[in-house]
Amino acid sequence: MKPRKFDYFVILQGHYGRGWEDLCAADDDAQGLRAIRQHRREYRDNEGGSYRIIRRRVLVGSAS
């Protein structure tokens, strides 16, 4: 079997006037997406503002 080249994540981002900033991340699976949606709900209830969920792939073994 071929080793994976990338890891996949779902990211919650918030916009605070200076562009989009990463707030939290989770694995890109059903439980990770559910957790990110819950975090988005909590941020909206407590802070207001603009939030979005994106998907990102990261090269396996990279520092970031």
C-alpha atoms as a PDB file:
ATOM      1  CA  MET A   1       0.000   0.000   0.000  1.00  0.00           C
ATOM      2  CA  LYS A   2       1.221   3.459  -0.875  1.00  0.00           C
ATOM      3  CA  PRO A   3       1.888   5.784   2.099  1.00  0.00           C
ATOM      4  CA  ARG A   4      -0.231   8.904   2.414  1.00  0.00           C
ATOM      5  CA  LYS A   5       1.320  12.117   1.196  1.00  0.00           C
ATOM      6  CA  PHE A   6      -1.078  14.537   2.917  1.00  0.00           C
ATOM      7  CA  ASP A   7      -3.056  14.867   6.154  1.00  0.00           C
ATOM      8  CA  TYR A   8      -6.484  16.503   5.848  1.00  0.00           C
ATOM      9  CA  PHE A   9      -7.999  18.916   8.397  1.00  0.00           C
ATOM     10  CA  VAL A  10     -11.083  21.067   8.860  1.00  0.00           C
ATOM     11  CA  ILE A  11     -10.244  24.531  10.182  1.00  0.00           C
ATOM     12  CA  LEU A  12     -12.441  27.105  11.919  1.00  0.00           C
ATOM     13  CA  GLN A  13     -11.429  30.646  10.992  1.00  0.00           C
ATOM     14  CA  GLY A  14     -12.578  33.986  12.379  1.00  0.00           C
ATOM     15  CA  HIS A  15     -12.421  37.419  10.771  1.00  0.00           C
ATOM     16  CA  TYR A  16     -11.324  40.155  13.184  1.00  0.00           C
ATOM     17  CA  GLY A  17     -10.709  43.051  10.789  1.00  0.00           C
ATOM     18  CA  ARG A  18      -7.216  42.006   9.662  1.00  0.00           C
ATOM     19  CA  GLY A  19      -8.111  38.954   7.583  1.00  0.00           C
ATOM     20  CA  TRP A  20      -8.999  35.371   8.409  1.00  0.00           C
ATOM     21  CA  GLU A  21      -7.234  33.778  11.399  1.00  0.00           C
ATOM     22  CA  ASP A  22      -7.200  30.076  12.314  1.00  0.00           C
ATOM     23  CA  LEU A  23      -9.010  29.438  15.602  1.00  0.00           C
ATOM     24  CA  CYS A  24      -9.023  25.637  15.879  1.00  0.00           C
ATOM     25  CA  ALA A  25      -8.524  22.522  13.765  1.00  0.00           C
ATOM     26  CA  ALA A  26      -9.669  18.896  13.718  1.00  0.00           C
ATOM     27  CA  ASP A  27      -9.177  15.823  11.540  1.00  0.00           C
ATOM     28  CA  ASP A  28     -11.288  15.827   8.391  1.00  0.00           C
ATOM     29  CA  ASP A  29     -13.798  13.145   9.352  1.00  0.00           C
ATOM     30  CA  ALA A  30     -17.378  13.109  10.616  1.00  0.00           C
ATOM     31  CA  GLN A  31     -16.445  13.617  14.287  1.00  0.00           C
ATOM     32  CA  GLY A  32     -13.956  16.376  13.479  1.00  0.00           C
ATOM     33  CA  LEU A  33     -16.487  18.276  11.389  1.00  0.00           C
ATOM     34  CA  ARG A  34     -19.111  17.888  14.115  1.00  0.00           C
ATOM     35  CA  ALA A  35     -16.668  19.283  16.706  1.00  0.00           C
ATOM     36  CA  ILE A  36     -15.726  22.252  14.484  1.00  0.00           C
ATOM     37  CA  ARG A  37     -19.411  23.073  13.922  1.00  0.00           C
ATOM     38  CA  GLN A  38     -19.976  23.014  17.689  1.00  0.00           C
ATOM     39  CA  HIS A  39     -17.021  25.369  18.202  1.00  0.00           C
ATOM     40  CA  ARG A  40     -18.425  27.721  15.529  1.00  0.00           C
ATOM     41  CA  ARG A  41     -21.793  27.741  17.330  1.00  0.00           C
ATOM     42  CA  GLU A  42     -20.063  28.595  20.613  1.00  0.00           C
ATOM     43  CA  TYR A  43     -17.988  31.397  19.063  1.00  0.00           C
ATOM     44  CA  ARG A  44     -21.113  32.914  17.434  1.00  0.00           C
ATOM     45  CA  ASP A  45     -23.068  32.765  20.700  1.00  0.00           C
ATOM     46  CA  ASN A  46     -20.285  34.289  22.826  1.00  0.00           C
ATOM     47  CA  GLU A  47     -18.458  36.704  20.509  1.00  0.00           C
ATOM     48  CA  GLY A  48     -20.524  37.303  17.378  1.00  0.00           C
ATOM     49  CA  GLY A  49     -18.597  38.154  14.223  1.00  0.00           C
ATOM     50  CA  SER A  50     -17.802  36.249  11.040  1.00  0.00           C
ATOM     51  CA  TYR A  51     -16.639  32.642  11.050  1.00  0.00           C
ATOM     52  CA  ARG A  52     -16.038  30.079   8.347  1.00  0.00           C
ATOM     53  CA  ILE A  53     -15.050  26.436   8.064  1.00  0.00           C
ATOM     54  CA  ILE A  54     -12.440  25.449   5.485  1.00  0.00           C
ATOM     55  CA  ARG A  55     -10.629  22.240   4.568  1.00  0.00           C
ATOM     56  CA  ARG A  56      -6.836  22.163   4.388  1.00  0.00           C
ATOM     57  CA  ARG A  57      -4.321  19.519   3.419  1.00  0.00           C
ATOM     58  CA  VAL A  58      -0.873  19.488   4.986  1.00  0.00           C
ATOM     59  CA  LEU A  59       2.130  17.573   3.719  1.00  0.00           C
ATOM     60  CA  VAL A  60       2.903  14.648   6.051  1.00  0.00           C
ATOM     61  CA  GLY A  61       5.999  15.382   8.104  1.00  0.00           C
ATOM     62  CA  SER A  62       5.902  19.164   7.658  1.00  0.00           C
ATOM     63  CA  ALA A  63       6.314  21.393  10.715  1.00  0.00           C
ATOM     64  CA  SER A  64       3.058  23.377  10.254  1.00  0.00           C
END
